[in-house]
Structure formats: C-alpha cells, structure tokens
N, C-alpha and C. Protein backbone atom coordinates (compact mmCIF):
# COMPACT_ATOMS: atom_id res chain seq x y z
N MET A 1 70.14 83.82 101.93
CA MET A 1 71.57 84.13 101.66
C MET A 1 71.21 85.09 102.69
N THR A 2 72.75 85.23 102.94
CA THR A 2 73.36 86.13 104.25
C THR A 2 73.50 87.40 103.24
N LYS A 3 73.36 88.78 103.71
CA LYS A 3 73.66 89.62 102.91
C LYS A 3 75.96 90.11 102.66
N GLN A 4 75.68 91.20 101.56
CA GLN A 4 76.92 91.31 101.49
C GLN A 4 77.58 92.60 103.30
N THR A 5 78.50 92.04 104.10
CA THR A 5 79.26 92.29 105.32
C THR A 5 80.54 92.58 104.73
N LYS A 6 80.24 94.05 105.27
CA LYS A 6 81.65 95.42 104.73
C LYS A 6 82.61 95.61 105.81
N HIS A 7 84.46 94.92 106.26
CA HIS A 7 84.98 94.62 106.66
C HIS A 7 86.06 95.84 105.82
N SER A 8 87.10 95.94 106.54
CA SER A 8 87.83 96.99 106.75
C SER A 8 89.61 96.23 107.13
N ILE A 9 90.72 96.30 106.58
CA ILE A 9 91.93 96.44 106.97
C ILE A 9 93.18 97.68 107.07
N THR A 10 93.82 97.39 107.53
CA THR A 10 94.54 98.39 107.14
C THR A 10 96.08 98.35 106.94
N VAL A 11 96.59 98.75 106.42
CA VAL A 11 97.81 98.90 105.66
C VAL A 11 99.14 99.95 105.35
N LYS A 12 99.59 100.21 105.98
CA LYS A 12 100.72 101.93 105.62
C LYS A 12 100.13 102.78 106.24
N ASN A 13 99.31 101.32 107.59
CA ASN A 13 98.66 103.73 107.80
C ASN A 13 97.07 104.02 107.36
N LYS A 14 96.91 103.65 106.59
CA LYS A 14 95.75 103.15 105.81
C LYS A 14 94.44 102.18 105.56
N ARG A 15 93.80 102.70 105.59
CA ARG A 15 92.14 101.77 106.07
C ARG A 15 92.18 101.38 104.49
N HIS A 16 91.78 100.21 104.13
CA HIS A 16 91.48 99.59 102.78
C HIS A 16 89.57 98.71 102.84
N THR A 17 89.26 98.44 102.02
CA THR A 17 87.75 98.95 102.16
C THR A 17 87.80 97.23 101.64
N TYR A 18 87.08 96.30 102.52
CA TYR A 18 86.10 94.76 101.60
C TYR A 18 85.56 94.55 102.18
N PHE A 19 84.85 93.64 100.92
CA PHE A 19 83.14 92.62 100.74
C PHE A 19 83.36 91.58 101.07
N LEU A 20 82.63 90.87 101.85
CA LEU A 20 82.48 88.96 101.99
C LEU A 20 80.19 89.36 101.65
N GLU A 21 80.25 88.64 101.07
CA GLU A 21 78.77 88.62 100.52
C GLU A 21 78.41 86.20 100.62
N PRO A 22 78.99 86.05 101.54
CA PRO A 22 78.12 84.22 100.83
C PRO A 22 76.81 84.62 99.27
N LYS A 23 77.75 83.15 99.03
CA LYS A 23 76.68 82.44 97.40
C LYS A 23 76.44 81.05 97.85
N LYS A 24 75.09 80.50 97.28
CA LYS A 24 75.44 79.24 97.95
C LYS A 24 76.31 78.06 97.36
N GLY A 25 76.83 77.24 98.25
CA GLY A 25 77.17 76.02 97.41
C GLY A 25 78.93 76.54 98.16
N GLY A 26 78.62 77.00 99.00
CA GLY A 26 79.67 77.18 100.09
C GLY A 26 81.59 78.40 99.21
N ILE A 27 80.37 79.21 98.40
CA ILE A 27 81.04 80.01 97.84
C ILE A 27 81.31 81.26 98.13
N THR A 28 82.00 82.55 98.46
CA THR A 28 81.55 83.67 98.91
C THR A 28 82.19 84.53 97.93
N HIS A 29 81.72 85.25 98.02
CA HIS A 29 82.17 86.59 96.92
C HIS A 29 83.38 87.91 97.83
N PHE A 30 83.98 87.97 97.07
CA PHE A 30 84.98 88.82 97.39
C PHE A 30 85.59 90.10 97.17
N VAL A 31 85.29 90.91 97.18
CA VAL A 31 85.79 92.33 97.04
C VAL A 31 87.03 93.49 97.69
N CYS A 32 87.95 93.76 96.29
CA CYS A 32 88.38 94.93 97.35
C CYS A 32 89.69 96.03 96.19
N LYS A 33 88.66 96.97 96.07
CA LYS A 33 89.01 97.66 94.88
C LYS A 33 90.41 98.17 95.23
N SER A 34 91.00 98.61 96.59
CA SER A 34 92.12 98.14 96.86
C SER A 34 93.45 97.54 96.12
N ALA A 35 92.54 96.47 95.82
CA ALA A 35 93.63 94.97 96.01
C ALA A 35 93.24 94.40 94.41
N LYS A 36 92.69 95.18 94.48
CA LYS A 36 92.13 94.68 92.34
C LYS A 36 91.42 92.90 92.21
N ILE A 37 90.91 92.93 93.99
CA ILE A 37 89.59 91.77 93.13
C ILE A 37 88.78 91.92 93.24
N ASP A 38 87.89 90.98 92.62
CA ASP A 38 86.51 91.19 92.18
C ASP A 38 85.60 90.20 92.22
N GLN A 39 86.07 88.71 92.67
CA GLN A 39 85.72 87.44 92.80
C GLN A 39 85.44 86.34 93.22
N ASP A 40 84.55 85.73 93.08
CA ASP A 40 83.38 84.54 93.57
C ASP A 40 85.46 83.22 94.73
N PHE A 41 85.14 82.93 95.64
CA PHE A 41 86.45 82.66 96.82
C PHE A 41 85.70 80.40 96.96
N LEU A 42 86.46 79.87 96.83
CA LEU A 42 85.83 78.79 97.93
C LEU A 42 85.65 79.54 99.38
N ASN A 43 84.41 78.52 100.17
CA ASN A 43 84.78 79.74 101.53
C ASN A 43 86.07 79.01 102.27
N GLU A 44 86.77 77.55 102.31
CA GLU A 44 88.09 77.74 103.16
C GLU A 44 89.49 78.56 102.49
N ASP A 45 88.87 79.22 101.24
CA ASP A 45 90.05 79.32 100.80
C ASP A 45 90.28 81.46 100.97
N ILE A 46 88.92 81.93 101.97
CA ILE A 46 88.80 83.17 102.56
C ILE A 46 89.69 83.76 103.18
N PRO A 47 90.57 82.46 105.12
CA PRO A 47 91.80 82.54 105.79
C PRO A 47 92.80 82.82 105.11
N ALA A 48 92.92 81.66 103.70
CA ALA A 48 94.49 82.19 103.36
C ALA A 48 94.48 83.79 102.59
N LEU A 49 93.18 83.57 101.62
CA LEU A 49 93.01 85.28 101.19
C LEU A 49 93.05 86.24 102.02
N LEU A 50 92.06 86.60 102.79
CA LEU A 50 92.92 87.32 104.14
C LEU A 50 94.11 88.02 104.37
N ALA A 51 94.71 86.71 104.60
CA ALA A 51 95.85 86.30 105.36
C ALA A 51 97.06 87.64 104.09
N ASP A 52 96.72 86.99 103.02
CA ASP A 52 97.20 87.52 102.23
C ASP A 52 96.86 88.74 101.53
N LEU A 53 95.57 89.14 101.81
CA LEU A 53 95.30 91.00 101.15
C LEU A 53 96.04 91.99 102.35
N PRO A 54 97.31 92.16 102.68
CA PRO A 54 97.53 92.99 102.46
C PRO A 54 98.53 92.83 101.33
N LYS A 55 99.88 91.88 101.90
CA LYS A 55 100.59 91.81 100.13
C LYS A 55 100.08 92.00 98.87
N LEU A 56 98.50 91.33 99.14
CA LEU A 56 98.34 91.83 97.30
C LEU A 56 98.26 93.84 97.62
N ILE A 57 97.49 94.25 98.25
CA ILE A 57 97.59 95.63 98.43
C ILE A 57 98.49 96.19 97.75
N ILE A 58 99.91 95.86 99.41
CA ILE A 58 101.30 96.47 98.60
C ILE A 58 101.19 96.22 97.27
N ALA A 59 101.13 95.38 96.30
CA ALA A 59 101.78 95.13 95.37
C ALA A 59 100.72 95.32 94.43
N GLU A 60 99.71 95.62 95.00
CA GLU A 60 98.95 96.61 94.11
C GLU A 60 99.01 97.90 94.17
N GLN A 61 99.91 98.42 95.28
CA GLN A 61 99.92 100.36 95.12
C GLN A 61 101.42 99.90 94.16
N GLU A 62 102.04 99.72 94.74
CA GLU A 62 103.98 99.58 93.44
C GLU A 62 103.25 99.54 92.50
N TYR A 63 103.00 98.43 91.60
CA TYR A 63 102.23 98.42 90.27
C TYR A 63 101.66 99.76 89.91
N LYS A 64 100.93 100.49 90.53
CA LYS A 64 99.95 101.89 89.78
C LYS A 64 101.01 102.73 89.85
N LYS A 65 101.72 103.04 91.31
CA LYS A 65 102.74 103.61 91.46
C LYS A 65 104.02 103.37 90.34
N ALA A 66 104.38 102.48 89.27
CA ALA A 66 105.70 102.12 88.46
C ALA A 66 105.38 102.97 87.01
N GLN A 67 103.54 102.62 87.97
CA GLN A 67 102.61 103.05 86.03
C GLN A 67 103.09 104.52 86.27
N SER A 68 103.90 105.46 86.27
CA SER A 68 104.10 106.35 86.09
C SER A 68 104.44 107.85 84.59
N ALA A 69 104.27 107.07 83.91
CA ALA A 69 103.80 107.69 82.09
C ALA A 69 103.32 108.09 81.68
N THR A 70 102.60 108.79 80.61
CA THR A 70 101.32 109.04 80.63
C THR A 70 101.68 109.29 78.35
N VAL A 71 100.21 108.58 77.66
CA VAL A 71 100.38 108.97 76.43
C VAL A 71 99.30 109.83 76.07
N GLN A 72 99.23 111.09 76.27
CA GLN A 72 97.79 111.13 75.72
C GLN A 72 97.39 111.79 73.84
N PHE A 73 96.13 110.93 73.52
CA PHE A 73 96.13 111.70 72.25
C PHE A 73 94.82 112.08 72.17
N ARG A 74 94.16 112.28 70.46
CA ARG A 74 93.33 113.29 71.24
C ARG A 74 91.66 112.25 69.96
N LEU A 75 90.43 112.31 69.89
CA LEU A 75 90.02 111.58 69.49
C LEU A 75 88.51 112.05 70.00
N ARG A 76 87.18 112.34 69.10
CA ARG A 76 86.01 112.53 68.14
C ARG A 76 85.25 112.27 69.64
N PRO A 77 84.60 112.81 70.14
CA PRO A 77 83.94 112.26 71.61
C PRO A 77 82.93 111.01 71.03
N GLU A 78 82.51 110.94 70.46
CA GLU A 78 81.51 109.89 69.64
C GLU A 78 82.72 108.50 69.54
N GLU A 79 83.84 108.41 69.67
CA GLU A 79 84.60 107.50 69.73
C GLU A 79 85.59 106.84 71.02
N LYS A 80 84.95 108.17 71.65
CA LYS A 80 86.09 108.39 73.40
C LYS A 80 84.50 106.71 73.92
N LYS A 81 83.60 107.92 73.27
CA LYS A 81 82.10 106.51 73.64
C LYS A 81 82.36 104.30 73.17
N LEU A 82 82.95 104.61 72.27
CA LEU A 82 82.85 103.62 71.50
C LEU A 82 83.88 103.12 72.26
N ILE A 83 85.23 103.72 72.23
CA ILE A 83 86.49 102.71 72.98
C ILE A 83 85.43 101.92 74.74
N GLU A 84 85.15 103.26 75.32
CA GLU A 84 84.30 103.24 76.36
C GLU A 84 83.79 101.80 76.88
N GLN A 85 82.64 101.54 75.93
CA GLN A 85 81.82 100.52 75.74
C GLN A 85 82.44 98.94 75.46
N LYS A 86 83.86 99.55 74.41
CA LYS A 86 84.13 98.27 74.39
C LYS A 86 84.98 97.87 75.18
N ALA A 87 85.39 98.34 76.32
CA ALA A 87 86.31 98.16 77.27
C ALA A 87 85.27 97.88 78.46
N THR A 88 84.56 98.16 78.48
CA THR A 88 83.02 97.95 80.17
C THR A 88 82.73 96.22 79.69
N LYS A 89 81.98 96.36 77.87
CA LYS A 89 82.08 95.08 77.22
C LYS A 89 83.27 93.98 77.91
N LYS A 90 84.23 94.11 77.39
CA LYS A 90 85.27 93.32 77.97
C LYS A 90 85.66 93.06 79.25
N GLY A 91 85.01 93.71 79.82
CA GLY A 91 85.69 93.36 81.26
C GLY A 91 86.92 94.67 82.07
N PHE A 92 86.49 94.95 80.63
CA PHE A 92 88.35 96.41 81.90
C PHE A 92 87.53 97.43 82.75
N SER A 93 87.66 97.95 83.31
CA SER A 93 87.40 98.52 84.61
C SER A 93 87.55 100.51 84.31
N SER A 94 89.09 100.52 83.38
CA SER A 94 88.88 102.02 82.65
C SER A 94 89.30 101.62 81.33
N ILE A 95 89.55 103.17 81.16
CA ILE A 95 90.16 102.82 78.92
C ILE A 95 91.69 102.53 79.11
N SER A 96 92.49 103.53 80.30
CA SER A 96 94.07 103.39 79.95
C SER A 96 93.98 101.30 80.13
N GLU A 97 93.18 100.66 81.16
CA GLU A 97 93.18 99.34 81.56
C GLU A 97 93.54 98.42 79.73
N TYR A 98 92.21 98.84 78.92
CA TYR A 98 91.87 98.54 77.54
C TYR A 98 92.54 98.43 76.83
N LEU A 99 93.37 99.82 76.90
CA LEU A 99 93.92 100.49 75.88
C LEU A 99 95.63 99.61 76.10
N ARG A 100 96.24 99.26 77.20
CA ARG A 100 97.11 98.93 77.40
C ARG A 100 97.07 97.46 77.53
N ASN A 101 96.13 97.08 77.57
CA ASN A 101 96.09 95.66 78.09
C ASN A 101 96.48 95.37 75.64
N LEU A 102 95.79 95.99 74.71
CA LEU A 102 95.15 96.00 73.31
C LEU A 102 96.65 95.78 72.98
N ALA A 103 97.21 97.44 73.67
CA ALA A 103 98.47 97.61 72.94
C ALA A 103 99.99 96.80 73.01
N LEU A 104 100.06 96.07 74.60
CA LEU A 104 100.98 95.44 74.45
C LEU A 104 101.13 93.62 74.43
N ARG A 105 99.63 93.63 75.04
CA ARG A 105 99.31 92.29 74.00
C ARG A 105 98.81 91.91 73.90
N GLY A 106 98.27 92.85 72.66
CA GLY A 106 97.39 92.63 71.83
C GLY A 106 95.98 91.90 71.81
N GLU A 107 95.22 91.43 73.22
CA GLU A 107 94.52 90.51 73.60
C GLU A 107 93.54 91.88 73.72
N VAL A 108 92.24 91.72 72.79
CA VAL A 108 91.14 92.26 73.52
C VAL A 108 89.49 91.07 73.08
C-alpha cells in the first residue's frame, strides 16, 4: 500500500491541508480538518470531493462563526474526565460537540 500523501488547497488566502491514503479495494481515506472530513471514499469520488472541497471548507468556517454564544458550567475534574471519555467513545471530536448533540438532539 502507498503511504499517506499530504496536499493543500488555498481558500480565502489561507492554506488548508488535506491527506490522501490509498487503501485496498479502490478506496481512499481522506482527511481534511478544515472541512471536518475524516473518512473513506471510493477512488472515483475523490475528484468530485476535491472540486467541492473549497465549498465544504467555507461552509465549515461559516458554521463555526455562527457558533458565537457560550454556555459555561462547573463540574468536578472526575466528571469532566468521564464526559471526555464518553465523547471520545461516541466518536465526537470535542466535549462541546458531544454536549451540543446531546442537549439539542438527545442523541449520543
């Protein structure tokens, strides 16, 4: 198998890095933190993904910008650690994402 390759794309005068890692069976693993993508794609879908990548990055930036309100609360260190563990186990990238999903959608 070929190693992971690093590439970048410039969107709004900022460079955004993405990684491609070929896998067996005509699959490529694609990672772009700026677009919040970390998953496998069929090789034939990669060109369309790359064409849409600037729009996906901009959409993620606008989503983050819209999240300007904060909610704060206190908890014990062991409670925070337990929440972090649950968030990670469920596949969330942050406690905020996990708690937002739990509070707004009731899904965990």
